[in-house]
């Protein structure tokens, strides 16, 4: 049993080292958002989004996957999408990529605005304050913004709006890969969230940042995250139902949190050193396990 444990540990260390340095290709699907990357549409009109003003869909060259993004250039430009079948009181995660170009005197800000609504046949009412994910002058690159939010009681829909503020001449804002994730089941769908009891814990933020920046940026990492999302809900629900397990699970997560902290808070040179160390440890463990197996059983 110990031999298998060592081999699994070595494999895990190698996989983590590889994931950190695989090239970026795609950052998560849109969850419940339809046409999250604006790839579907007729000319400048993106499918499933309602544009106003001069808001449009533009071909800007390769971005993650595909070539299209949403663009706004002045006050009154907005793209809106409504998402139905939202479950009240559950916690959701929203994210998106924002690109902002400005001039020396400008202060334009790209905004992804979300709010929860109760929609009925006789009308609609907003139930929550507007939550805004925003970025100002991103330096010519796309920057990802993400946040957690809880749907109020009686929620049926969420409204997503994309727009800019602080406009002056010659500025533009683009949006890409907008996402809103609906939990599969239970109030807590992440094992770590169940263990810490809140999605806002500092450790959860570190793990989420590692997921977004190093796992969801490559095919292998995406596959691991998808597998985790499929198997974690029943485990998370069991932990939530048995509070005595939470300290044990939190202790078990310490190595993952420590590794994630080291990875997200280091320079590229330091990351290379960490990856090299992980590979070296993995090879050493594998060689040691092979030699022990070759010597046969030991008797005392």
Protein backbone atom coordinates (compact mmCIF):
# COMPACT_ATOMS: atom_id res chain seq x y z
CA UNK A 1 0.00 0.00 0.00
CA UNK A 2 2.82 2.36 0.86
CA UNK A 3 4.43 1.69 -2.51
CA UNK A 4 1.25 2.71 -4.33
CA UNK A 5 0.98 5.83 -2.17
CA UNK A 6 4.51 6.88 -3.12
CA UNK A 7 3.86 6.32 -6.81
CA UNK A 8 0.62 8.33 -6.64
CA UNK A 9 2.42 11.16 -4.84
CA UNK A 10 5.16 11.22 -7.46
CA UNK A 11 2.58 11.32 -10.25
CA UNK A 12 0.68 14.14 -8.54
CA UNK A 13 3.82 16.24 -8.16
CA UNK A 14 4.70 15.79 -11.84
CA UNK A 15 1.17 16.68 -12.95
CA UNK A 16 1.15 19.85 -10.82
CA UNK A 17 4.52 20.90 -12.20
CA UNK A 18 3.33 20.35 -15.78
CA UNK A 19 0.03 22.19 -15.24
CA UNK A 20 1.79 25.30 -13.98
CA UNK A 21 3.78 25.65 -17.19
CA UNK A 22 1.43 24.41 -19.90
CA UNK A 23 0.64 27.18 -22.42
CA UNK A 24 -2.60 29.10 -22.00
CA UNK A 25 -5.35 28.08 -24.40
CA UNK A 26 -8.79 28.39 -22.85
CA UNK A 27 -10.22 29.74 -19.65
CA UNK A 28 -13.37 27.94 -18.55
CA UNK A 29 -16.69 27.63 -20.32
CA UNK A 30 -19.44 30.16 -19.67
CA UNK A 31 -21.50 27.95 -17.37
CA UNK A 32 -25.07 29.20 -17.77
CA UNK A 33 -24.11 32.05 -20.10
CA UNK A 34 -25.06 31.35 -23.71
CA UNK A 35 -22.57 32.50 -26.37
CA UNK A 36 -20.15 33.50 -23.60
CA UNK A 37 -17.31 34.14 -26.06
CA UNK A 38 -19.45 35.99 -28.66
CA UNK A 39 -18.43 33.52 -31.38
CA UNK A 40 -22.02 33.04 -32.60
CA UNK A 41 -23.84 35.88 -34.30
CA UNK A 42 -24.72 37.70 -37.50
CA UNK A 43 -22.16 40.38 -38.32
CA UNK A 44 -22.05 42.66 -35.27
CA UNK A 45 -25.05 41.17 -33.42
CA UNK A 46 -24.06 38.41 -30.95
CA UNK A 47 -26.60 35.64 -30.46
CA UNK A 48 -28.43 35.61 -27.10
CA UNK A 49 -27.18 39.10 -26.17
CA UNK A 50 -29.30 42.24 -26.55
CA UNK A 51 -27.17 45.22 -27.65
CA UNK A 52 -28.10 48.89 -27.33
CA UNK A 53 -26.40 52.04 -28.58
CA UNK A 54 -23.34 51.13 -30.62
CA UNK A 55 -22.52 47.98 -28.65
CA UNK A 56 -21.38 45.34 -31.08
CA UNK A 57 -19.53 42.11 -31.72
CA UNK A 58 -16.09 42.49 -33.32
CA UNK A 59 -13.44 40.21 -34.80
CA UNK A 60 -10.24 41.19 -32.99
CA UNK A 61 -8.06 38.18 -33.78
CA UNK A 62 -7.35 35.14 -31.65
CA UNK A 63 -8.50 35.42 -28.00
CA UNK A 64 -8.26 32.26 -25.87
CA UNK A 65 -10.52 30.26 -28.24
CA UNK A 66 -12.01 32.07 -31.24
CA UNK A 67 -11.60 35.58 -32.59
CA UNK A 68 -14.68 37.48 -31.44
CA UNK A 69 -15.39 39.74 -28.47
CA UNK A 70 -18.00 42.29 -27.43
CA UNK A 71 -17.13 45.97 -27.80
CA UNK A 72 -18.51 49.22 -26.36
CA UNK A 73 -17.14 52.66 -27.16
CA UNK A 74 -19.38 55.29 -25.55
CA UNK A 75 -22.04 56.05 -22.97
CA UNK A 76 -25.25 54.15 -23.71
CA UNK A 77 -23.52 51.12 -25.25
CA UNK A 78 -24.72 48.04 -23.35
CA UNK A 79 -25.06 44.30 -23.98
CA UNK A 80 -27.55 42.40 -21.84
CA UNK A 81 -28.31 38.73 -21.23
CA UNK A 82 -30.97 37.31 -18.91
CA UNK A 83 -30.45 33.86 -17.37
CA UNK A 84 -33.50 31.98 -16.09
CA UNK A 85 -33.96 29.09 -13.65
CA UNK A 86 -31.77 30.58 -10.94
CA UNK A 87 -32.09 28.78 -7.60
CA UNK A 88 -32.77 31.10 -4.66
CA UNK A 89 -30.29 31.22 -1.72
CA UNK A 90 -27.53 29.37 -3.56
CA UNK A 91 -24.05 30.78 -4.05
CA UNK A 92 -22.89 31.47 -7.59
CA UNK A 93 -19.63 32.49 -9.20
CA UNK A 94 -19.37 35.01 -12.04
CA UNK A 95 -16.34 35.84 -14.17
CA UNK A 96 -15.27 37.51 -17.38
CA UNK A 97 -12.36 39.03 -19.27
CA UNK A 98 -12.14 42.80 -19.76
CA UNK A 99 -9.92 44.77 -22.15
CA UNK A 100 -9.72 48.54 -21.67
CA UNK A 101 -7.81 51.04 -23.82
CA UNK A 102 -7.60 54.65 -22.71
CA UNK A 103 -5.72 57.87 -23.30
CA UNK A 104 -3.58 59.85 -20.90
CA UNK A 105 -6.45 61.91 -19.52
CA UNK A 106 -9.18 59.25 -19.65
CA UNK A 107 -10.53 57.06 -16.87
CA UNK A 108 -12.74 54.63 -18.76
CA UNK A 109 -13.76 51.51 -16.84
CA UNK A 110 -15.15 48.25 -18.22
CA UNK A 111 -17.98 46.83 -16.11
CA UNK A 112 -19.63 43.41 -15.89
CA UNK A 113 -22.76 44.13 -13.82
CA UNK A 114 -24.94 41.39 -12.31
CA UNK A 115 -28.16 41.57 -10.33
CA UNK A 116 -30.79 39.04 -9.24
CA UNK A 117 -34.47 39.41 -10.21
CA UNK A 118 -37.87 37.91 -9.57
CA UNK A 119 -39.67 37.69 -12.91
CA UNK A 120 -43.41 36.91 -13.06
CA UNK A 121 -46.15 37.25 -15.65
CA UNK A 122 -47.32 40.54 -14.16
CA UNK A 123 -43.89 42.13 -13.97
CA UNK A 124 -40.33 41.93 -12.68
CA UNK A 125 -38.55 43.29 -9.61
CA UNK A 126 -34.87 43.56 -8.76
CA UNK A 127 -34.02 41.71 -5.54
CA UNK A 128 -30.34 42.49 -5.01
CA UNK A 129 -27.91 45.39 -5.29
CA UNK A 130 -25.92 45.37 -8.52
CA UNK A 131 -22.63 43.50 -8.21
CA UNK A 132 -19.91 44.92 -10.47
CA UNK A 133 -16.74 43.27 -11.75
CA UNK A 134 -14.64 46.04 -13.28
CA UNK A 135 -11.25 47.00 -14.68
CA UNK A 136 -9.65 50.32 -15.68
CA UNK A 137 -6.91 50.68 -18.35
CA UNK A 138 -5.71 47.08 -18.55
CA UNK A 139 -2.54 47.99 -20.43
CA UNK A 140 -3.49 46.45 -23.75
CA UNK A 141 -4.31 42.98 -22.43
CA UNK A 142 -7.41 41.11 -21.28
CA UNK A 143 -7.74 40.89 -17.49
CA UNK A 144 -9.98 38.34 -15.79
CA UNK A 145 -12.32 39.46 -13.02
CA UNK A 146 -14.37 37.11 -10.84
CA UNK A 147 -16.65 37.22 -7.83
CA UNK A 148 -19.01 35.19 -5.64
CA UNK A 149 -22.61 36.12 -4.91
CA UNK A 150 -25.69 34.62 -3.30
CA UNK A 151 -29.14 34.64 -4.89
CA UNK A 152 -31.78 36.16 -2.58
CA UNK A 153 -34.98 34.38 -1.64
CA UNK A 154 -37.53 34.31 -4.51
CA UNK A 155 -34.88 34.78 -7.22
CA UNK A 156 -35.79 33.44 -10.67
CA UNK A 157 -33.37 35.25 -13.01
CA UNK A 158 -30.01 36.97 -13.12
CA UNK A 159 -29.31 39.90 -15.44
CA UNK A 160 -25.82 40.42 -16.87
CA UNK A 161 -24.88 43.79 -18.40
CA UNK A 162 -21.65 44.75 -20.14
CA UNK A 163 -20.82 48.47 -20.44
CA UNK A 164 -18.24 51.18 -19.81
CA UNK A 165 -18.07 54.31 -17.66
CA UNK A 166 -15.91 57.45 -17.57
CA UNK A 167 -15.80 57.85 -21.33
CA UNK A 168 -13.71 60.28 -23.37
CA UNK A 169 -12.74 60.30 -27.04
CA UNK A 170 -10.73 57.43 -28.52
CA UNK A 171 -11.40 54.82 -25.86
CA UNK A 172 -12.93 51.35 -26.08
CA UNK A 173 -13.81 48.41 -23.86
CA UNK A 174 -14.02 44.77 -24.94
CA UNK A 175 -15.41 41.73 -23.14
CA UNK A 176 -14.80 38.02 -23.64
CA UNK A 177 -15.57 34.64 -22.01
CA UNK A 178 -18.33 35.87 -19.69
CA UNK A 179 -19.35 33.16 -17.22
CA UNK A 180 -21.93 32.48 -14.54
CA UNK A 181 -21.70 29.06 -12.89
CA UNK A 182 -24.74 27.31 -11.48
CA UNK A 183 -23.90 24.79 -8.71
CA UNK A 184 -24.74 21.19 -9.54
CA UNK A 185 -26.38 20.41 -6.18
CA UNK A 186 -26.33 21.37 -2.52
CA UNK A 187 -25.49 24.70 -0.93
CA UNK A 188 -21.77 23.99 -1.13
CA UNK A 189 -20.42 22.35 -4.27
CA UNK A 190 -16.73 22.62 -3.52
CA UNK A 191 -15.09 20.34 -0.96
CA UNK A 192 -12.87 23.18 0.23
CA UNK A 193 -15.85 25.52 0.62
CA UNK A 194 -17.67 22.88 2.68
CA UNK A 195 -14.59 22.42 4.86
CA UNK A 196 -14.11 26.14 5.56
CA UNK A 197 -17.84 26.86 5.80
CA UNK A 198 -17.76 29.95 3.57
CA UNK A 199 -16.73 30.66 -0.03
CA UNK A 200 -15.10 33.89 1.15
CA UNK A 201 -12.34 32.27 3.24
CA UNK A 202 -8.82 33.43 2.36
CA UNK A 203 -7.77 29.84 1.61
CA UNK A 204 -10.67 29.48 -0.85
CA UNK A 205 -9.52 32.61 -2.64
CA UNK A 206 -6.01 31.19 -3.06
CA UNK A 207 -7.32 27.86 -4.38
CA UNK A 208 -9.71 29.65 -6.74
CA UNK A 209 -6.89 31.86 -8.06
CA UNK A 210 -4.71 28.79 -8.68
CA UNK A 211 -7.62 27.14 -10.50
CA UNK A 212 -8.31 30.19 -12.69
CA UNK A 213 -4.70 31.06 -13.52
CA UNK A 214 -3.06 27.64 -13.80
CA UNK A 215 -5.67 24.89 -14.19
CA UNK A 216 -8.30 26.52 -16.40
CA UNK A 217 -5.65 27.85 -18.77
CA UNK A 218 -4.83 24.48 -20.38
CA UNK A 219 -6.69 21.37 -21.58
CA UNK A 220 -5.30 19.01 -18.92
CA UNK A 221 -6.19 21.41 -16.13
CA UNK A 222 -9.70 21.93 -17.56
CA UNK A 223 -10.21 18.15 -17.58
CA UNK A 224 -9.14 17.87 -13.93
CA UNK A 225 -11.43 20.73 -12.90
CA UNK A 226 -14.37 19.21 -14.80
CA UNK A 227 -13.76 15.88 -13.04
CA UNK A 228 -13.64 17.65 -9.68
CA UNK A 229 -16.93 19.43 -10.36
CA UNK A 230 -18.57 16.08 -11.16
CA UNK A 231 -17.38 14.14 -8.12
CA UNK A 232 -17.19 16.84 -5.43
CA UNK A 233 -20.88 17.73 -4.75
CA UNK A 234 -21.82 14.55 -2.80
CA UNK A 235 -18.54 14.69 -0.88
CA UNK A 236 -19.10 18.37 -0.05
CA UNK A 237 -22.65 17.67 1.08
CA UNK A 238 -21.42 14.83 3.34
CA UNK A 239 -18.82 17.14 4.92
CA UNK A 240 -21.46 19.85 5.43
CA UNK A 241 -23.76 17.31 7.13
CA UNK A 242 -20.93 16.11 9.44
CA UNK A 243 -19.23 19.23 10.89
CA UNK A 244 -16.75 17.11 12.87
CA UNK A 245 -15.04 16.26 9.57
CA UNK A 246 -14.29 19.89 8.69
CA UNK A 247 -11.08 20.25 10.78
CA UNK A 248 -9.76 16.99 9.31
CA UNK A 249 -10.46 18.11 5.74
CA UNK A 250 -8.95 21.55 6.39
CA UNK A 251 -5.77 19.86 7.66
CA UNK A 252 -5.67 17.71 4.53
CA UNK A 253 -5.96 20.82 2.37
CA UNK A 254 -2.95 22.55 3.95
CA UNK A 255 -0.44 21.18 1.38
CA UNK A 256 -2.69 22.23 -1.53
CA UNK A 257 -3.19 25.72 -0.10
CA UNK A 258 0.54 26.10 0.59
CA UNK A 259 1.46 24.97 -2.92
CA UNK A 260 -1.15 27.25 -4.49
CA UNK A 261 0.06 30.20 -2.43
CA UNK A 262 3.64 29.61 -3.53
CA UNK A 263 2.65 29.34 -7.19
CA UNK A 264 0.36 32.38 -7.47
CA UNK A 265 2.61 34.69 -5.43
CA UNK A 266 5.95 34.00 -7.14
CA UNK A 267 7.80 35.37 -10.16
CA UNK A 268 8.31 33.31 -13.36
CA UNK A 269 11.89 32.48 -12.26
CA UNK A 270 10.67 31.31 -8.86
CA UNK A 271 7.93 29.26 -10.54
CA UNK A 272 10.55 27.57 -12.71
CA UNK A 273 12.55 26.71 -9.60
CA UNK A 274 9.45 25.28 -7.90
CA UNK A 275 8.59 23.19 -10.95
CA UNK A 276 12.14 21.89 -11.16
CA UNK A 277 12.07 20.99 -7.48
CA UNK A 278 8.76 19.15 -7.90
CA UNK A 279 10.13 17.14 -10.81
CA UNK A 280 13.31 16.35 -8.88
CA UNK A 281 11.33 15.17 -5.85
CA UNK A 282 9.06 13.09 -8.06
CA UNK A 283 11.99 11.38 -9.77
CA UNK A 284 13.72 10.76 -6.44
CA UNK A 285 10.61 9.19 -4.91
CA UNK A 286 10.03 7.02 -7.99
CA UNK A 287 13.66 5.79 -8.04
CA UNK A 288 13.62 5.09 -4.32
CA UNK A 289 10.36 3.13 -4.60
CA UNK A 290 11.75 1.10 -7.54
CA UNK A 291 14.93 0.20 -5.66
CA UNK A 292 13.02 -0.89 -2.58
CA UNK A 293 10.80 -3.08 -4.72
CA UNK A 294 13.89 -4.61 -6.35
CA UNK A 295 15.36 -5.58 -2.98
CA UNK A 296 12.27 -7.59 -2.10
CA UNK A 297 10.58 -7.76 1.33
CA UNK A 298 12.49 -6.82 4.46
CA UNK A 299 12.14 -8.84 7.65
CA UNK A 300 12.96 -7.69 11.14
